[in-house]
Amino acid sequence: MQWLRNEVQHHATTGEQLLGLFTALKSWFGSDDFRGCAFINTSGETGDAQSPVRLLAKAHKQKLYEFALELCNAHGTPEPEQQAAHLLILMDGAITVALVMGDVTAADKARDMARTLLKL
């Protein structure tokens, strides 16, 4: 999670930081060690929603949502809670498509959708 903060915070404006979420993902997708999100991958293997693995994954996704919310609030985005939830869905969708389909450009497509959603 800290790596994502580091990647995003170097962008000059809050709008660029929001879109920078997807720039960071694209860089990750193109790396040799990209295997998707460990939290998504392991959650899919456990049936119990209260298992320690699922609870850890949920806590991680909550932190990611809170980071997106922080960025939305800093930007002055209307309905920041809803928009942060949308960004989380776009990020997780891009991660899944990049892994399953081998499509590094999933981050670009998600960034374009975020730009439209946030009116940037």
N, C-alpha and C. Protein backbone atom coordinates (compact mmCIF):
# COMPACT_ATOMS: atom_id res chain seq x y z
N MET A 1 0.82 -1.20 0.00
CA MET A 1 0.00 0.00 0.00
C MET A 1 0.86 1.26 0.00
N GLN A 2 1.97 1.21 0.75
CA GLN A 2 2.84 2.39 0.81
C GLN A 2 3.43 2.71 -0.56
N TRP A 3 3.72 1.67 -1.34
CA TRP A 3 4.28 1.91 -2.68
C TRP A 3 3.31 2.74 -3.52
N LEU A 4 2.01 2.48 -3.36
CA LEU A 4 1.01 3.22 -4.14
C LEU A 4 0.97 4.68 -3.70
N ARG A 5 1.00 4.91 -2.41
CA ARG A 5 1.05 6.29 -1.91
C ARG A 5 2.27 7.02 -2.47
N ASN A 6 3.41 6.36 -2.44
CA ASN A 6 4.64 6.97 -2.95
C ASN A 6 4.52 7.32 -4.43
N GLU A 7 3.94 6.42 -5.20
CA GLU A 7 3.78 6.65 -6.64
C GLU A 7 2.83 7.81 -6.93
N VAL A 8 1.78 7.92 -6.16
CA VAL A 8 0.74 8.91 -6.42
C VAL A 8 1.14 10.30 -5.94
N GLN A 9 1.84 10.38 -4.82
CA GLN A 9 2.10 11.67 -4.19
C GLN A 9 3.05 12.56 -4.98
N HIS A 10 3.78 12.01 -5.94
CA HIS A 10 4.69 12.88 -6.71
C HIS A 10 3.98 13.68 -7.79
N HIS A 11 2.71 13.39 -8.04
CA HIS A 11 1.95 14.15 -9.03
C HIS A 11 1.60 15.54 -8.47
N ALA A 12 1.62 16.54 -9.32
CA ALA A 12 1.51 17.94 -8.89
C ALA A 12 0.13 18.33 -8.37
N THR A 13 -0.93 17.87 -9.01
CA THR A 13 -2.27 18.30 -8.62
C THR A 13 -3.07 17.12 -8.07
N THR A 14 -4.14 17.44 -7.36
CA THR A 14 -4.97 16.38 -6.80
C THR A 14 -5.66 15.56 -7.90
N GLY A 15 -6.02 16.21 -9.00
CA GLY A 15 -6.61 15.48 -10.12
C GLY A 15 -5.61 14.50 -10.72
N GLU A 16 -4.37 14.95 -10.87
CA GLU A 16 -3.32 14.07 -11.39
C GLU A 16 -3.03 12.93 -10.41
N GLN A 17 -3.15 13.20 -9.12
CA GLN A 17 -2.94 12.15 -8.13
C GLN A 17 -4.02 11.08 -8.24
N LEU A 18 -5.26 11.51 -8.44
CA LEU A 18 -6.35 10.54 -8.61
C LEU A 18 -6.09 9.65 -9.82
N LEU A 19 -5.73 10.25 -10.93
CA LEU A 19 -5.44 9.47 -12.13
C LEU A 19 -4.13 8.70 -11.98
N GLY A 20 -3.25 9.20 -11.12
CA GLY A 20 -1.98 8.53 -10.86
C GLY A 20 -2.15 7.16 -10.24
N LEU A 21 -3.30 6.91 -9.62
CA LEU A 21 -3.58 5.57 -9.12
C LEU A 21 -3.43 4.55 -10.24
N PHE A 22 -3.91 4.92 -11.41
CA PHE A 22 -3.92 4.00 -12.54
C PHE A 22 -2.57 3.96 -13.26
N THR A 23 -1.85 5.06 -13.22
CA THR A 23 -0.49 5.08 -13.76
C THR A 23 0.39 4.12 -12.96
N ALA A 24 0.22 4.15 -11.64
CA ALA A 24 0.97 3.24 -10.78
C ALA A 24 0.60 1.79 -11.07
N LEU A 25 -0.69 1.53 -11.26
CA LEU A 25 -1.12 0.17 -11.58
C LEU A 25 -0.50 -0.30 -12.89
N LYS A 26 -0.47 0.57 -13.89
CA LYS A 26 0.09 0.17 -15.18
C LYS A 26 1.56 -0.21 -15.04
N SER A 27 2.29 0.54 -14.26
CA SER A 27 3.69 0.23 -14.02
C SER A 27 3.82 -1.15 -13.35
N TRP A 28 2.97 -1.41 -12.38
CA TRP A 28 2.97 -2.71 -11.70
C TRP A 28 2.61 -3.83 -12.67
N PHE A 29 1.60 -3.61 -13.50
CA PHE A 29 1.16 -4.63 -14.45
C PHE A 29 2.28 -5.03 -15.41
N GLY A 30 3.14 -4.08 -15.74
CA GLY A 30 4.22 -4.35 -16.68
C GLY A 30 5.46 -4.96 -16.06
N SER A 31 5.45 -5.13 -14.75
CA SER A 31 6.63 -5.68 -14.08
C SER A 31 6.66 -7.20 -14.21
N ASP A 32 7.86 -7.74 -14.15
CA ASP A 32 8.04 -9.19 -14.28
C ASP A 32 7.41 -9.99 -13.15
N ASP A 33 7.25 -9.37 -11.99
CA ASP A 33 6.71 -10.10 -10.85
C ASP A 33 5.21 -9.88 -10.63
N PHE A 34 4.51 -9.31 -11.61
CA PHE A 34 3.07 -9.10 -11.46
C PHE A 34 2.33 -10.43 -11.48
N ARG A 35 1.59 -10.69 -10.42
CA ARG A 35 0.78 -11.90 -10.30
C ARG A 35 -0.64 -11.57 -9.86
N GLY A 36 -1.04 -10.33 -10.05
CA GLY A 36 -2.35 -9.91 -9.58
C GLY A 36 -2.29 -9.50 -8.12
N CYS A 37 -3.43 -9.30 -7.55
CA CYS A 37 -3.54 -8.88 -6.15
C CYS A 37 -3.61 -10.12 -5.26
N ALA A 38 -2.65 -10.24 -4.37
CA ALA A 38 -2.62 -11.39 -3.47
C ALA A 38 -3.88 -11.45 -2.61
N PHE A 39 -4.44 -10.30 -2.28
CA PHE A 39 -5.63 -10.26 -1.44
C PHE A 39 -6.85 -10.77 -2.20
N ILE A 40 -6.97 -10.41 -3.47
CA ILE A 40 -8.07 -10.93 -4.30
C ILE A 40 -7.86 -12.42 -4.53
N ASN A 41 -6.63 -12.79 -4.89
CA ASN A 41 -6.33 -14.19 -5.21
C ASN A 41 -6.63 -15.12 -4.03
N THR A 42 -6.16 -14.76 -2.84
CA THR A 42 -6.38 -15.64 -1.69
C THR A 42 -7.82 -15.62 -1.20
N SER A 43 -8.49 -14.49 -1.34
CA SER A 43 -9.90 -14.42 -0.93
C SER A 43 -10.75 -15.37 -1.75
N GLY A 44 -10.40 -15.52 -3.00
CA GLY A 44 -11.15 -16.42 -3.87
C GLY A 44 -10.98 -17.89 -3.50
N GLU A 45 -9.97 -18.19 -2.74
CA GLU A 45 -9.70 -19.57 -2.34
C GLU A 45 -10.32 -19.94 -1.00
N THR A 46 -10.87 -18.99 -0.29
CA THR A 46 -11.47 -19.28 1.01
C THR A 46 -12.97 -19.11 0.93
N GLY A 47 -13.69 -20.04 1.50
CA GLY A 47 -15.15 -19.98 1.44
C GLY A 47 -15.77 -19.19 2.58
N ASP A 48 -15.07 -19.13 3.69
CA ASP A 48 -15.61 -18.50 4.89
C ASP A 48 -15.32 -17.01 4.89
N ALA A 49 -16.37 -16.21 4.88
CA ALA A 49 -16.21 -14.75 4.86
C ALA A 49 -15.57 -14.23 6.14
N GLN A 50 -15.56 -15.03 7.19
CA GLN A 50 -14.96 -14.61 8.46
C GLN A 50 -13.58 -15.23 8.69
N SER A 51 -13.05 -15.90 7.69
CA SER A 51 -11.72 -16.49 7.85
C SER A 51 -10.68 -15.38 8.02
N PRO A 52 -9.60 -15.66 8.73
CA PRO A 52 -8.56 -14.64 8.91
C PRO A 52 -8.03 -14.09 7.58
N VAL A 53 -7.93 -14.94 6.58
CA VAL A 53 -7.43 -14.50 5.27
C VAL A 53 -8.38 -13.47 4.66
N ARG A 54 -9.67 -13.77 4.69
CA ARG A 54 -10.65 -12.85 4.12
C ARG A 54 -10.72 -11.55 4.91
N LEU A 55 -10.60 -11.64 6.21
CA LEU A 55 -10.63 -10.43 7.04
C LEU A 55 -9.42 -9.55 6.78
N LEU A 56 -8.27 -10.17 6.56
CA LEU A 56 -7.06 -9.42 6.22
C LEU A 56 -7.22 -8.75 4.86
N ALA A 57 -7.77 -9.49 3.90
CA ALA A 57 -8.01 -8.93 2.57
C ALA A 57 -8.99 -7.76 2.65
N LYS A 58 -10.03 -7.92 3.43
CA LYS A 58 -11.02 -6.85 3.59
C LYS A 58 -10.39 -5.62 4.21
N ALA A 59 -9.53 -5.81 5.19
CA ALA A 59 -8.84 -4.68 5.83
C ALA A 59 -7.95 -3.96 4.83
N HIS A 60 -7.28 -4.72 3.97
CA HIS A 60 -6.42 -4.11 2.95
C HIS A 60 -7.26 -3.29 1.97
N LYS A 61 -8.36 -3.85 1.51
CA LYS A 61 -9.22 -3.13 0.57
C LYS A 61 -9.84 -1.90 1.22
N GLN A 62 -10.13 -1.98 2.51
CA GLN A 62 -10.64 -0.82 3.24
C GLN A 62 -9.60 0.29 3.25
N LYS A 63 -8.33 -0.06 3.44
CA LYS A 63 -7.25 0.94 3.42
C LYS A 63 -7.12 1.56 2.04
N LEU A 64 -7.27 0.75 1.01
CA LEU A 64 -7.20 1.26 -0.36
C LEU A 64 -8.37 2.21 -0.62
N TYR A 65 -9.56 1.84 -0.17
CA TYR A 65 -10.73 2.72 -0.28
C TYR A 65 -10.48 4.03 0.45
N GLU A 66 -9.94 3.96 1.66
CA GLU A 66 -9.68 5.16 2.45
C GLU A 66 -8.66 6.07 1.78
N PHE A 67 -7.67 5.49 1.12
CA PHE A 67 -6.70 6.29 0.38
C PHE A 67 -7.39 6.99 -0.79
N ALA A 68 -8.22 6.26 -1.53
CA ALA A 68 -8.97 6.87 -2.63
C ALA A 68 -9.89 7.97 -2.10
N LEU A 69 -10.50 7.74 -0.95
CA LEU A 69 -11.37 8.75 -0.34
C LEU A 69 -10.57 9.99 0.06
N GLU A 70 -9.40 9.77 0.60
CA GLU A 70 -8.51 10.89 0.96
C GLU A 70 -8.20 11.74 -0.27
N LEU A 71 -7.90 11.08 -1.38
CA LEU A 71 -7.61 11.80 -2.62
C LEU A 71 -8.85 12.53 -3.15
N CYS A 72 -10.00 11.87 -3.08
CA CYS A 72 -11.25 12.51 -3.53
C CYS A 72 -11.56 13.74 -2.68
N ASN A 73 -11.39 13.62 -1.38
CA ASN A 73 -11.64 14.77 -0.50
C ASN A 73 -10.67 15.90 -0.78
N ALA A 74 -9.40 15.58 -0.98
CA ALA A 74 -8.40 16.61 -1.26
C ALA A 74 -8.72 17.34 -2.57
N HIS A 75 -9.30 16.62 -3.50
CA HIS A 75 -9.65 17.21 -4.80
C HIS A 75 -10.96 17.98 -4.75
N GLY A 76 -11.77 17.74 -3.73
CA GLY A 76 -13.08 18.38 -3.66
C GLY A 76 -14.11 17.69 -4.52
N THR A 77 -13.92 16.40 -4.71
CA THR A 77 -14.83 15.61 -5.53
C THR A 77 -16.22 15.55 -4.90
N PRO A 78 -17.28 15.84 -5.66
CA PRO A 78 -18.64 15.66 -5.12
C PRO A 78 -18.88 14.19 -4.79
N GLU A 79 -19.63 13.93 -3.75
CA GLU A 79 -19.94 12.56 -3.32
C GLU A 79 -18.66 11.73 -3.20
N PRO A 80 -17.72 12.16 -2.37
CA PRO A 80 -16.42 11.49 -2.33
C PRO A 80 -16.47 10.02 -1.91
N GLU A 81 -17.38 9.66 -1.02
CA GLU A 81 -17.47 8.26 -0.60
C GLU A 81 -17.87 7.37 -1.76
N GLN A 82 -18.86 7.82 -2.52
CA GLN A 82 -19.32 7.04 -3.67
C GLN A 82 -18.23 6.98 -4.74
N GLN A 83 -17.57 8.09 -4.99
CA GLN A 83 -16.53 8.12 -6.02
C GLN A 83 -15.33 7.27 -5.61
N ALA A 84 -14.98 7.27 -4.33
CA ALA A 84 -13.88 6.43 -3.86
C ALA A 84 -14.23 4.95 -4.05
N ALA A 85 -15.49 4.60 -3.79
CA ALA A 85 -15.94 3.22 -4.01
C ALA A 85 -15.85 2.86 -5.49
N HIS A 86 -16.22 3.80 -6.35
CA HIS A 86 -16.10 3.56 -7.80
C HIS A 86 -14.65 3.35 -8.19
N LEU A 87 -13.76 4.16 -7.64
CA LEU A 87 -12.33 4.02 -7.96
C LEU A 87 -11.80 2.66 -7.52
N LEU A 88 -12.23 2.20 -6.35
CA LEU A 88 -11.80 0.89 -5.88
C LEU A 88 -12.24 -0.21 -6.84
N ILE A 89 -13.46 -0.12 -7.31
CA ILE A 89 -13.96 -1.10 -8.28
C ILE A 89 -13.16 -1.03 -9.58
N LEU A 90 -12.87 0.17 -10.05
CA LEU A 90 -12.07 0.32 -11.27
C LEU A 90 -10.66 -0.26 -11.09
N MET A 91 -10.05 0.01 -9.94
CA MET A 91 -8.71 -0.52 -9.69
C MET A 91 -8.71 -2.04 -9.63
N ASP A 92 -9.63 -2.61 -8.86
CA ASP A 92 -9.68 -4.07 -8.74
C ASP A 92 -10.05 -4.73 -10.06
N GLY A 93 -10.92 -4.10 -10.81
CA GLY A 93 -11.26 -4.63 -12.13
C GLY A 93 -10.06 -4.61 -13.06
N ALA A 94 -9.31 -3.52 -13.04
CA ALA A 94 -8.12 -3.43 -13.89
C ALA A 94 -7.09 -4.47 -13.50
N ILE A 95 -6.91 -4.69 -12.20
CA ILE A 95 -5.96 -5.70 -11.72
C ILE A 95 -6.37 -7.07 -12.24
N THR A 96 -7.65 -7.39 -12.14
CA THR A 96 -8.14 -8.70 -12.57
C THR A 96 -8.00 -8.88 -14.07
N VAL A 97 -8.37 -7.88 -14.85
CA VAL A 97 -8.25 -7.98 -16.31
C VAL A 97 -6.78 -8.09 -16.72
N ALA A 98 -5.92 -7.31 -16.08
CA ALA A 98 -4.49 -7.38 -16.41
C ALA A 98 -3.94 -8.78 -16.15
N LEU A 99 -4.35 -9.39 -15.05
CA LEU A 99 -3.86 -10.73 -14.72
C LEU A 99 -4.46 -11.79 -15.63
N VAL A 100 -5.77 -11.84 -15.70
CA VAL A 100 -6.45 -12.92 -16.41
C VAL A 100 -6.28 -12.81 -17.92
N MET A 101 -6.39 -11.60 -18.45
CA MET A 101 -6.32 -11.40 -19.89
C MET A 101 -4.91 -11.04 -20.38
N GLY A 102 -4.02 -10.74 -19.43
CA GLY A 102 -2.67 -10.32 -19.82
C GLY A 102 -2.67 -8.96 -20.49
N ASP A 103 -3.62 -8.12 -20.11
CA ASP A 103 -3.81 -6.82 -20.76
C ASP A 103 -3.28 -5.69 -19.88
N VAL A 104 -2.05 -5.28 -20.12
CA VAL A 104 -1.43 -4.20 -19.36
C VAL A 104 -2.20 -2.90 -19.56
N THR A 105 -2.87 -2.75 -20.69
CA THR A 105 -3.61 -1.51 -20.97
C THR A 105 -4.91 -1.40 -20.16
N ALA A 106 -5.22 -2.42 -19.38
CA ALA A 106 -6.41 -2.34 -18.52
C ALA A 106 -6.32 -1.12 -17.60
N ALA A 107 -5.12 -0.78 -17.18
CA ALA A 107 -4.94 0.41 -16.33
C ALA A 107 -5.28 1.68 -17.09
N ASP A 108 -4.90 1.75 -18.37
CA ASP A 108 -5.23 2.92 -19.19
C ASP A 108 -6.74 3.05 -19.36
N LYS A 109 -7.39 1.93 -19.60
CA LYS A 109 -8.84 1.95 -19.79
C LYS A 109 -9.56 2.36 -18.50
N ALA A 110 -9.08 1.84 -17.38
CA ALA A 110 -9.67 2.22 -16.09
C ALA A 110 -9.41 3.69 -15.79
N ARG A 111 -8.22 4.19 -16.15
CA ARG A 111 -7.91 5.61 -15.95
C ARG A 111 -8.84 6.48 -16.78
N ASP A 112 -9.10 6.07 -18.03
CA ASP A 112 -10.03 6.83 -18.87
C ASP A 112 -11.43 6.86 -18.26
N MET A 113 -11.86 5.74 -17.71
CA MET A 113 -13.17 5.69 -17.06
C MET A 113 -13.19 6.58 -15.82
N ALA A 114 -12.10 6.57 -15.05
CA ALA A 114 -12.01 7.42 -13.86
C ALA A 114 -12.04 8.90 -14.25
N ARG A 115 -11.35 9.24 -15.33
CA ARG A 115 -11.33 10.63 -15.81
C ARG A 115 -12.76 11.09 -16.13
N THR A 116 -13.52 10.24 -16.79
CA THR A 116 -14.91 10.55 -17.12
C THR A 116 -15.77 10.64 -15.86
N LEU A 117 -15.62 9.66 -15.00
CA LEU A 117 -16.39 9.60 -13.77
C LEU A 117 -16.17 10.82 -12.89
N LEU A 118 -14.91 11.23 -12.78
CA LEU A 118 -14.55 12.34 -11.90
C LEU A 118 -14.56 13.70 -12.60
N LYS A 119 -14.86 13.66 -13.91
CA LYS A 119 -14.90 14.89 -14.72
C LYS A 119 -13.58 15.65 -14.67
N LEU A 120 -12.49 14.91 -14.91
CA LEU A 120 -11.15 15.51 -14.89
C LEU A 120 -10.68 15.84 -16.29
